[in-house]
């Protein structure tokens, strides 16, 4: 069998096994103290306008597979991907999708969600945050590593900050995230900064919201009704942390079945063989 046929067979096997393993996670509805407890990821990128492997129209299905109730699509200095994902969700259903952007400047990164129009990365931090609020959105400090602190004034009116995301698995960045959060006045948020390499929602936020609407979710962040679990660390209001534990949080992440593993291995192997078939010649 030629390399091309091997590649075709492996890619077909990846497609079939991936489809068979596609079982969305069903989360129980949790009501605590009159609030709906939601799991969210507020920092997700899609192609073609950000470096990612997922299309905007695939976001709602993937979020549901990962047991998320709400996801924000935040392209680099672009809002169109988030609007496209939200449009798709409104037609075909799925978890709540909020349109946003990552304001991606040379000295600071801010995730703006719930906005209507793109915001220039050339603005100062304070002016960018003011514009986010003028549009009715929420401003979240994205991966506030120490090198970005000088650009983010102590008095900046941020609504929230990422206390955990994949960069935080490096100890020096985790300490920086915690120190930035210690400034006070911000809701703790955990996000995946999803670019397609790890599971969406690998770091997630638990919100106490009135319902699953976009407005209720934004209100919950503004009111700092969020809790983040990371190992033995828990971030958020002490009362909410206790309520979250009583509710059975944090939840175990969805497990990948054998078919999902076979799909991933077959897909990678098929792509590698296809590349070899193109760039090598028979002896």
Protein backbone atom coordinates (compact mmCIF):
# COMPACT_ATOMS: atom_id res chain seq x y z
CA UNK A 1 0.00 0.00 0.00
CA UNK A 2 1.36 3.45 -0.92
CA UNK A 3 2.00 6.17 1.61
CA UNK A 4 -0.89 8.17 0.20
CA UNK A 5 -3.32 5.31 0.75
CA UNK A 6 -2.00 4.73 4.26
CA UNK A 7 -2.51 8.41 5.02
CA UNK A 8 -6.04 8.32 3.59
CA UNK A 9 -6.99 5.23 5.61
CA UNK A 10 -5.61 6.67 8.84
CA UNK A 11 -7.35 10.02 8.35
CA UNK A 12 -10.62 8.23 7.55
CA UNK A 13 -10.21 6.13 10.70
CA UNK A 14 -9.57 9.30 12.70
CA UNK A 15 -12.74 10.86 11.34
CA UNK A 16 -14.91 7.80 12.04
CA UNK A 17 -13.59 7.12 15.56
CA UNK A 18 -13.71 10.81 16.42
CA UNK A 19 -17.35 11.00 15.36
CA UNK A 20 -18.25 7.87 17.34
CA UNK A 21 -16.52 9.23 20.46
CA UNK A 22 -18.31 12.58 20.25
CA UNK A 23 -20.51 12.44 23.34
CA UNK A 24 -21.46 15.85 24.80
CA UNK A 25 -21.24 16.11 28.59
CA UNK A 26 -24.51 16.71 30.40
CA UNK A 27 -24.02 18.83 33.55
CA UNK A 28 -26.64 18.79 36.30
CA UNK A 29 -28.36 22.10 36.99
CA UNK A 30 -27.08 23.47 40.30
CA UNK A 31 -28.99 26.15 42.20
CA UNK A 32 -27.33 27.56 45.32
CA UNK A 33 -28.60 30.54 47.32
CA UNK A 34 -30.88 31.49 44.45
CA UNK A 35 -28.01 31.48 41.93
CA UNK A 36 -27.36 29.16 39.01
CA UNK A 37 -23.82 27.76 39.22
CA UNK A 38 -22.17 27.88 35.78
CA UNK A 39 -18.83 26.66 34.47
CA UNK A 40 -17.16 29.08 32.07
CA UNK A 41 -14.09 29.71 29.92
CA UNK A 42 -13.64 33.36 28.96
CA UNK A 43 -10.53 33.25 26.76
CA UNK A 44 -10.92 31.16 23.60
CA UNK A 45 -9.31 31.75 20.19
CA UNK A 46 -10.41 30.47 16.78
CA UNK A 47 -9.00 30.50 13.26
CA UNK A 48 -8.55 32.23 10.85
CA UNK A 49 -8.07 35.48 12.81
CA UNK A 50 -6.18 33.96 15.76
CA UNK A 51 -3.66 31.15 15.95
CA UNK A 52 -5.97 28.22 16.71
CA UNK A 53 -7.18 24.91 15.32
CA UNK A 54 -10.91 25.38 15.89
CA UNK A 55 -13.43 27.26 13.76
CA UNK A 56 -15.96 29.66 15.34
CA UNK A 57 -18.86 27.39 14.40
CA UNK A 58 -17.26 24.46 16.24
CA UNK A 59 -16.92 26.32 19.54
CA UNK A 60 -20.43 25.65 20.97
CA UNK A 61 -20.15 21.89 20.36
CA UNK A 62 -16.64 21.69 21.82
CA UNK A 63 -17.67 23.75 24.85
CA UNK A 64 -20.55 21.36 25.45
CA UNK A 65 -18.22 18.36 25.10
CA UNK A 66 -16.04 19.86 27.83
CA UNK A 67 -18.95 20.44 30.22
CA UNK A 68 -18.97 24.24 29.93
CA UNK A 69 -22.09 26.39 30.33
CA UNK A 70 -20.59 29.56 28.88
CA UNK A 71 -17.62 30.38 26.66
CA UNK A 72 -16.26 33.69 25.36
CA UNK A 73 -14.59 33.80 21.93
CA UNK A 74 -11.88 36.46 22.06
CA UNK A 75 -9.94 37.00 18.83
CA UNK A 76 -6.75 39.03 18.80
CA UNK A 77 -7.94 42.62 18.23
CA UNK A 78 -10.93 41.24 16.31
CA UNK A 79 -14.55 40.79 17.34
CA UNK A 80 -15.89 39.02 14.24
CA UNK A 81 -14.95 35.48 15.40
CA UNK A 82 -16.93 35.90 18.60
CA UNK A 83 -19.93 37.24 16.72
CA UNK A 84 -19.78 34.33 14.27
CA UNK A 85 -19.63 31.75 17.09
CA UNK A 86 -22.53 33.45 18.90
CA UNK A 87 -24.60 33.55 15.70
CA UNK A 88 -24.03 29.82 15.17
CA UNK A 89 -24.98 29.04 18.75
CA UNK A 90 -28.17 31.12 18.54
CA UNK A 91 -29.30 29.06 15.54
CA UNK A 92 -28.17 25.55 16.52
CA UNK A 93 -28.10 25.75 20.32
CA UNK A 94 -25.48 24.88 22.89
CA UNK A 95 -23.81 26.67 25.80
CA UNK A 96 -23.99 30.46 26.01
CA UNK A 97 -21.43 32.13 23.71
CA UNK A 98 -20.25 35.66 24.46
CA UNK A 99 -18.53 37.70 21.76
CA UNK A 100 -15.34 39.46 22.79
CA UNK A 101 -11.77 40.22 21.85
CA UNK A 102 -8.33 40.09 23.39
CA UNK A 103 -6.99 43.62 23.18
CA UNK A 104 -3.50 42.56 22.25
CA UNK A 105 -1.03 45.41 22.54
CA UNK A 106 2.76 45.43 22.96
CA UNK A 107 2.63 46.08 26.73
CA UNK A 108 -0.67 44.67 27.99
CA UNK A 109 -3.39 42.17 27.09
CA UNK A 110 -6.99 42.65 28.20
CA UNK A 111 -9.88 40.30 27.47
CA UNK A 112 -12.98 42.37 26.70
CA UNK A 113 -16.26 40.43 26.66
CA UNK A 114 -19.81 41.58 26.06
CA UNK A 115 -18.74 44.45 23.79
CA UNK A 116 -20.35 45.55 20.52
CA UNK A 117 -17.44 47.04 18.58
CA UNK A 118 -13.67 46.34 18.46
CA UNK A 119 -11.45 48.45 20.72
CA UNK A 120 -8.08 49.77 19.57
CA UNK A 121 -4.96 48.24 21.10
CA UNK A 122 -3.30 51.64 20.73
CA UNK A 123 -5.30 53.08 23.63
CA UNK A 124 -3.85 53.31 27.11
CA UNK A 125 -5.00 50.71 29.61
CA UNK A 126 -7.34 53.10 31.40
CA UNK A 127 -8.90 54.39 28.17
CA UNK A 128 -9.35 50.85 26.83
CA UNK A 129 -11.11 49.81 30.05
CA UNK A 130 -13.31 52.92 29.94
CA UNK A 131 -14.34 52.02 26.38
CA UNK A 132 -15.12 48.43 27.41
CA UNK A 133 -17.38 49.73 30.17
CA UNK A 134 -18.98 52.31 27.87
CA UNK A 135 -20.04 49.45 25.60
CA UNK A 136 -21.48 47.52 28.56
CA UNK A 137 -18.69 44.96 28.64
CA UNK A 138 -16.38 43.43 31.24
CA UNK A 139 -12.60 43.94 31.35
CA UNK A 140 -10.42 40.99 32.38
CA UNK A 141 -6.64 41.16 32.78
CA UNK A 142 -5.24 38.40 30.56
CA UNK A 143 -2.28 36.37 31.89
CA UNK A 144 -0.90 39.32 33.95
CA UNK A 145 2.75 38.31 33.99
CA UNK A 146 5.15 40.60 35.81
CA UNK A 147 6.45 42.22 32.62
CA UNK A 148 2.99 43.69 31.92
CA UNK A 149 2.44 45.23 35.34
CA UNK A 150 4.05 48.54 34.48
CA UNK A 151 1.40 49.13 31.83
CA UNK A 152 -1.52 48.29 34.13
CA UNK A 153 -1.94 51.10 36.62
CA UNK A 154 -2.76 50.19 40.20
CA UNK A 155 -5.98 52.16 39.95
CA UNK A 156 -7.09 50.59 36.67
CA UNK A 157 -10.78 49.76 36.88
CA UNK A 158 -10.51 46.11 35.84
CA UNK A 159 -13.48 43.88 36.57
CA UNK A 160 -11.53 40.63 36.84
CA UNK A 161 -8.13 39.04 36.39
CA UNK A 162 -6.95 35.60 35.34
CA UNK A 163 -5.63 33.91 38.46
CA UNK A 164 -5.06 30.72 36.52
CA UNK A 165 -4.49 29.74 32.90
CA UNK A 166 -1.96 27.42 31.22
CA UNK A 167 0.95 29.84 31.74
CA UNK A 168 0.27 29.48 35.46
CA UNK A 169 1.58 25.93 35.42
CA UNK A 170 4.99 27.62 35.51
CA UNK A 171 5.62 28.59 39.11
CA UNK A 172 6.99 32.07 38.36
CA UNK A 173 3.89 33.00 36.38
CA UNK A 174 1.52 31.54 38.96
CA UNK A 175 3.13 33.73 41.63
CA UNK A 176 2.76 36.75 39.33
CA UNK A 177 -0.94 36.00 38.76
CA UNK A 178 -1.54 35.74 42.51
CA UNK A 179 0.34 38.96 43.23
CA UNK A 180 -1.70 40.82 40.63
CA UNK A 181 -4.95 39.44 42.06
CA UNK A 182 -3.81 40.52 45.53
CA UNK A 183 -4.18 44.16 44.41
CA UNK A 184 -7.85 43.61 45.18
CA UNK A 185 -11.10 44.77 43.62
CA UNK A 186 -11.15 42.14 40.87
CA UNK A 187 -13.08 38.92 40.39
CA UNK A 188 -10.93 35.78 40.05
CA UNK A 189 -11.16 34.12 36.65
CA UNK A 190 -9.55 30.99 35.21
CA UNK A 191 -9.38 30.53 31.43
CA UNK A 192 -7.80 28.14 28.96
CA UNK A 193 -6.43 30.79 26.55
CA UNK A 194 -7.50 28.12 24.07
CA UNK A 195 -5.52 27.86 20.84
CA UNK A 196 -6.41 24.24 20.09
CA UNK A 197 -3.51 22.51 21.85
CA UNK A 198 -5.18 21.59 25.15
CA UNK A 199 -8.78 20.97 26.16
CA UNK A 200 -11.10 23.94 26.20
CA UNK A 201 -11.91 24.73 29.81
CA UNK A 202 -8.76 23.07 31.17
CA UNK A 203 -8.79 26.07 33.53
CA UNK A 204 -12.35 27.18 34.25
CA UNK A 205 -14.35 29.66 36.28
CA UNK A 206 -17.42 28.84 38.35
CA UNK A 207 -19.97 31.65 38.40
CA UNK A 208 -23.00 32.29 40.58
CA UNK A 209 -25.43 33.90 38.12
CA UNK A 210 -29.15 34.63 38.03
CA UNK A 211 -29.48 32.61 34.81
CA UNK A 212 -27.52 31.61 31.71
CA UNK A 213 -28.07 34.84 29.77
CA UNK A 214 -25.11 36.96 28.68
CA UNK A 215 -26.23 39.86 30.86
CA UNK A 216 -26.55 37.68 33.97
CA UNK A 217 -23.07 36.25 33.37
CA UNK A 218 -21.51 39.70 32.94
CA UNK A 219 -23.31 40.89 36.09
CA UNK A 220 -21.92 37.93 38.05
CA UNK A 221 -18.36 38.85 37.06
CA UNK A 222 -18.89 42.52 37.92
CA UNK A 223 -20.27 41.52 41.32
CA UNK A 224 -17.29 39.16 41.85
CA UNK A 225 -19.54 36.12 42.19
CA UNK A 226 -16.84 33.81 40.82
CA UNK A 227 -14.79 30.97 42.27
CA UNK A 228 -11.64 29.34 40.87
CA UNK A 229 -10.21 26.01 41.99
CA UNK A 230 -6.62 25.11 41.22
CA UNK A 231 -5.18 22.17 43.13
CA UNK A 232 -5.31 23.01 46.82
CA UNK A 233 -5.86 26.71 46.10
CA UNK A 234 -9.30 28.29 45.95
CA UNK A 235 -9.87 31.90 44.87
CA UNK A 236 -12.96 33.98 45.51
CA UNK A 237 -15.30 35.20 48.21
CA UNK A 238 -15.07 32.92 51.31
CA UNK A 239 -18.86 32.41 51.42
CA UNK A 240 -18.98 31.48 47.74
CA UNK A 241 -16.05 29.12 48.15
CA UNK A 242 -17.91 27.28 50.90
CA UNK A 243 -21.12 27.18 48.85
CA UNK A 244 -19.18 25.84 45.89
CA UNK A 245 -17.73 23.00 47.95
CA UNK A 246 -21.18 22.10 49.26
CA UNK A 247 -22.37 21.95 45.66
CA UNK A 248 -19.77 19.35 44.80
CA UNK A 249 -17.32 21.59 42.99
CA UNK A 250 -14.85 21.43 41.43
CA UNK A 251 -16.02 18.82 38.96
CA UNK A 252 -13.75 16.20 37.49
CA UNK A 253 -12.87 17.08 33.87
CA UNK A 254 -14.49 14.95 31.16
CA UNK A 255 -12.51 11.79 30.46
CA UNK A 256 -11.29 10.93 27.00
CA UNK A 257 -12.47 7.51 25.90
CA UNK A 258 -10.47 4.94 23.97
CA UNK A 259 -12.06 5.97 20.65
CA UNK A 260 -11.01 9.60 21.20
CA UNK A 261 -7.42 8.49 21.81
CA UNK A 262 -7.46 6.29 18.69
CA UNK A 263 -8.85 9.21 16.68
CA UNK A 264 -6.08 11.55 17.84
CA UNK A 265 -3.30 9.03 17.18
CA UNK A 266 -4.66 8.05 13.77
CA UNK A 267 -5.11 11.68 12.78
CA UNK A 268 -1.57 12.69 13.69
CA UNK A 269 -0.08 9.58 12.05
CA UNK A 270 -2.13 10.14 8.90
CA UNK A 271 -1.01 13.76 8.62
CA UNK A 272 2.66 12.83 9.11
CA UNK A 273 2.51 10.13 6.46
CA UNK A 274 0.72 12.52 4.08
CA UNK A 275 3.50 15.08 4.58
CA UNK A 276 6.14 12.42 3.94
CA UNK A 277 4.34 11.33 0.81
CA UNK A 278 4.44 14.88 -0.55
CA UNK A 279 8.04 15.78 0.31
CA UNK A 280 9.82 12.49 -0.33
CA UNK A 281 10.32 10.41 -3.45
CA UNK A 282 10.58 6.72 -3.99
CA UNK A 283 14.07 5.34 -4.32
